[in-house]
Each structure stands twice: as C-alpha cells, then as structure tokens.
Amino acid sequence: MDQVSFFKCLADETRLSIVTLVTENKELCVCDLTEKLQLSQPKISRHLALLRSSGLLQDRRQGQWVYYSLSTQLPAWCYEILNVLVQHSPNHLATLPACSTQSYCE
C-alpha cells in the first residue's frame, strides 16, 4: 500500500471511524460497526468492501458472521499511523464489546 492510497482510504469520515474502531478492537463484525456508528448495514458494508479491496482490511468468516481486521500485509508505517489515530480518537469511538450471537451480523 502506498501513502496516497492509504490516506485516500482514511479521507472519508466513515472509513476513518471504521478503521479506527477495527484498529482499537482488533476485530469487529458489521453488527458492531452499525451499532457503534449508527449507520445502516448497507452503508457500512459498502465502506468495508472498499477498505477490503484497497488492502487496508481483511475479513474472516466464522459461521454466519464475517469479522474484519487490519490486513496483515500492511507496511509497518501504516500500523504506526493507525495506532496514533487510536490514541487520539474521540470518546465516541470507545472499545466495543464482542459481537453477541443474538445480534444481526453479516
């Protein structure tokens, strides 16, 4: 991932919030993100698809749930920047509890 692509991905407020939450929580499902960001599942999924195709996030399926985490292929400087962002993220992006099996998850 080059610097321009990385920062273009984070230039959108929703994508920045998603990546910050995923960085902070290590792994999240769509239901966690929709709950925390108060956005529709299709909108979150559209942003997740872009973040996945750009190489910033990776996904893992477990039963009916899909979990998203930072790509293990990112350069070290990406992780450093994301960790700084988490340290300075607003309080509304607090750590989320694990996804409940009773919640709707993609």
C-alpha atoms as a PDB file:
ATOM      1  CA  MET A   1       0.000   0.000   0.000  1.00  0.00           C
ATOM      2  CA  ASP A   2       1.376   3.401  -0.940  1.00  0.00           C
ATOM      3  CA  GLN A   3       0.906   6.569   1.105  1.00  0.00           C
ATOM      4  CA  VAL A   4      -1.570   8.227  -1.265  1.00  0.00           C
ATOM      5  CA  SER A   5      -3.882   5.178  -1.325  1.00  0.00           C
ATOM      6  CA  PHE A   6      -3.672   4.814   2.446  1.00  0.00           C
ATOM      7  CA  PHE A   7      -4.644   8.415   3.130  1.00  0.00           C
ATOM      8  CA  LYS A   8      -7.357   8.408   0.440  1.00  0.00           C
ATOM      9  CA  CYS A   9      -8.987   5.486   2.260  1.00  0.00           C
ATOM     10  CA  LEU A  10      -8.917   7.411   5.522  1.00  0.00           C
ATOM     11  CA  ALA A  11     -10.102  10.701   3.997  1.00  0.00           C
ATOM     12  CA  ASP A  12     -13.752   9.678   4.385  1.00  0.00           C
ATOM     13  CA  GLU A  13     -15.141  10.152   7.927  1.00  0.00           C
ATOM     14  CA  THR A  14     -16.997   6.826   7.935  1.00  0.00           C
ATOM     15  CA  ARG A  15     -13.991   4.855   6.701  1.00  0.00           C
ATOM     16  CA  LEU A  16     -11.734   6.620   9.221  1.00  0.00           C
ATOM     17  CA  SER A  17     -14.155   5.676  12.010  1.00  0.00           C
ATOM     18  CA  ILE A  18     -14.355   2.069  10.813  1.00  0.00           C
ATOM     19  CA  VAL A  19     -10.582   1.677  10.590  1.00  0.00           C
ATOM     20  CA  THR A  20     -10.068   3.356  13.975  1.00  0.00           C
ATOM     21  CA  LEU A  21     -12.602   1.041  15.622  1.00  0.00           C
ATOM     22  CA  VAL A  22     -11.119  -2.041  13.975  1.00  0.00           C
ATOM     23  CA  THR A  23      -7.603  -0.978  14.994  1.00  0.00           C
ATOM     24  CA  GLU A  24      -8.691  -0.411  18.574  1.00  0.00           C
ATOM     25  CA  ASN A  25     -10.753  -3.600  18.884  1.00  0.00           C
ATOM     26  CA  LYS A  26      -8.521  -5.856  16.723  1.00  0.00           C
ATOM     27  CA  GLU A  27     -11.535  -7.482  15.026  1.00  0.00           C
ATOM     28  CA  LEU A  28     -15.190  -6.458  14.528  1.00  0.00           C
ATOM     29  CA  CYS A  29     -18.253  -7.621  12.634  1.00  0.00           C
ATOM     30  CA  VAL A  30     -20.704  -5.451  10.697  1.00  0.00           C
ATOM     31  CA  CYS A  31     -23.239  -5.512  13.535  1.00  0.00           C
ATOM     32  CA  ASP A  32     -20.675  -3.969  15.905  1.00  0.00           C
ATOM     33  CA  LEU A  33     -19.926  -1.192  13.430  1.00  0.00           C
ATOM     34  CA  THR A  34     -23.568  -0.423  12.618  1.00  0.00           C
ATOM     35  CA  GLU A  35     -24.365  -0.213  16.322  1.00  0.00           C
ATOM     36  CA  LYS A  36     -21.424   1.995  17.221  1.00  0.00           C
ATOM     37  CA  LEU A  37     -21.573   4.305  14.194  1.00  0.00           C
ATOM     38  CA  GLN A  38     -25.393   4.380  13.957  1.00  0.00           C
ATOM     39  CA  LEU A  39     -25.282   3.798  10.207  1.00  0.00           C
ATOM     40  CA  SER A  40     -27.149   1.317   8.030  1.00  0.00           C
ATOM     41  CA  GLN A  41     -25.710  -2.117   7.322  1.00  0.00           C
ATOM     42  CA  PRO A  42     -25.551  -1.480   3.534  1.00  0.00           C
ATOM     43  CA  LYS A  43     -23.603   1.753   4.059  1.00  0.00           C
ATOM     44  CA  ILE A  44     -21.127   0.073   6.422  1.00  0.00           C
ATOM     45  CA  SER A  45     -20.772  -2.901   4.066  1.00  0.00           C
ATOM     46  CA  ARG A  46     -20.067  -0.610   1.097  1.00  0.00           C
ATOM     47  CA  HIS A  47     -17.240   1.093   3.016  1.00  0.00           C
ATOM     48  CA  LEU A  48     -15.911  -2.260   4.250  1.00  0.00           C
ATOM     49  CA  ALA A  49     -15.800  -3.543   0.673  1.00  0.00           C
ATOM     50  CA  LEU A  50     -13.718  -0.545  -0.379  1.00  0.00           C
ATOM     51  CA  LEU A  51     -11.379  -0.925   2.608  1.00  0.00           C
ATOM     52  CA  ARG A  52     -11.004  -4.640   1.859  1.00  0.00           C
ATOM     53  CA  SER A  53     -10.351  -4.138  -1.861  1.00  0.00           C
ATOM     54  CA  SER A  54      -7.776  -1.436  -1.111  1.00  0.00           C
ATOM     55  CA  GLY A  55      -5.875  -3.845   1.134  1.00  0.00           C
ATOM     56  CA  LEU A  56      -6.421  -1.986   4.408  1.00  0.00           C
ATOM     57  CA  LEU A  57      -8.750  -4.589   5.950  1.00  0.00           C
ATOM     58  CA  GLN A  58      -9.100  -8.344   5.676  1.00  0.00           C
ATOM     59  CA  ASP A  59     -12.084 -10.483   6.551  1.00  0.00           C
ATOM     60  CA  ARG A  60     -12.643 -13.848   8.165  1.00  0.00           C
ATOM     61  CA  ARG A  61     -15.865 -15.853   8.075  1.00  0.00           C
ATOM     62  CA  GLN A  62     -16.970 -17.763  11.150  1.00  0.00           C
ATOM     63  CA  GLY A  63     -20.320 -19.436  10.632  1.00  0.00           C
ATOM     64  CA  GLN A  64     -22.786 -16.743   9.613  1.00  0.00           C
ATOM     65  CA  TRP A  65     -20.559 -13.894  10.791  1.00  0.00           C
ATOM     66  CA  VAL A  66     -17.848 -12.022   8.929  1.00  0.00           C
ATOM     67  CA  TYR A  67     -15.161 -10.410  11.060  1.00  0.00           C
ATOM     68  CA  TYR A  68     -12.915  -7.596   9.846  1.00  0.00           C
ATOM     69  CA  SER A  69      -9.385  -6.828  10.997  1.00  0.00           C
ATOM     70  CA  LEU A  70      -6.401  -4.872   9.740  1.00  0.00           C
ATOM     71  CA  SER A  71      -4.612  -6.561   6.887  1.00  0.00           C
ATOM     72  CA  THR A  72      -1.512  -8.435   7.949  1.00  0.00           C
ATOM     73  CA  GLN A  73       0.098  -7.251   4.692  1.00  0.00           C
ATOM     74  CA  LEU A  74       0.197  -3.546   5.651  1.00  0.00           C
ATOM     75  CA  PRO A  75       3.588  -1.859   5.913  1.00  0.00           C
ATOM     76  CA  ALA A  76       4.789  -1.071   9.447  1.00  0.00           C
ATOM     77  CA  TRP A  77       4.288   2.667   8.937  1.00  0.00           C
ATOM     78  CA  CYS A  78       0.534   2.091   8.417  1.00  0.00           C
ATOM     79  CA  TYR A  79       0.236   0.373  11.797  1.00  0.00           C
ATOM     80  CA  GLU A  80       2.173   3.194  13.445  1.00  0.00           C
ATOM     81  CA  ILE A  81      -0.150   5.846  11.996  1.00  0.00           C
ATOM     82  CA  LEU A  82      -3.269   3.867  12.905  1.00  0.00           C
ATOM     83  CA  ASN A  83      -2.073   3.407  16.489  1.00  0.00           C
ATOM     84  CA  VAL A  84      -1.526   7.170  16.798  1.00  0.00           C
ATOM     85  CA  LEU A  85      -5.043   7.749  15.435  1.00  0.00           C
ATOM     86  CA  VAL A  86      -6.498   5.384  18.042  1.00  0.00           C
ATOM     87  CA  GLN A  87      -4.651   7.190  20.827  1.00  0.00           C
ATOM     88  CA  HIS A  88      -6.191  10.477  19.693  1.00  0.00           C
ATOM     89  CA  SER A  89      -9.645   9.232  18.703  1.00  0.00           C
ATOM     90  CA  PRO A  90     -12.682  10.937  20.216  1.00  0.00           C
ATOM     91  CA  ASN A  91     -14.501   9.266  23.108  1.00  0.00           C
ATOM     92  CA  HIS A  92     -17.397   8.237  20.859  1.00  0.00           C
ATOM     93  CA  LEU A  93     -15.074   5.653  19.292  1.00  0.00           C
ATOM     94  CA  ALA A  94     -14.608   3.695  22.504  1.00  0.00           C
ATOM     95  CA  THR A  95     -13.843  -0.012  22.558  1.00  0.00           C
ATOM     96  CA  LEU A  96     -16.815  -2.210  21.725  1.00  0.00           C
ATOM     97  CA  PRO A  97     -17.863  -5.417  23.444  1.00  0.00           C
ATOM     98  CA  ALA A  98     -17.628  -8.629  21.429  1.00  0.00           C
ATOM     99  CA  CYS A  99     -20.434  -9.321  18.982  1.00  0.00           C
ATOM    100  CA  SER A 100     -23.336 -11.123  20.574  1.00  0.00           C
ATOM    101  CA  THR A 101     -24.687 -14.202  18.822  1.00  0.00           C
ATOM    102  CA  GLN A 102     -28.145 -12.675  19.257  1.00  0.00           C
ATOM    103  CA  SER A 103     -27.197  -9.618  17.200  1.00  0.00           C
ATOM    104  CA  TYR A 104     -27.591  -9.419  13.463  1.00  0.00           C
ATOM    105  CA  CYS A 105     -24.189  -9.837  11.871  1.00  0.00           C
ATOM    106  CA  GLU A 106     -23.282 -10.009   8.215  1.00  0.00           C
END
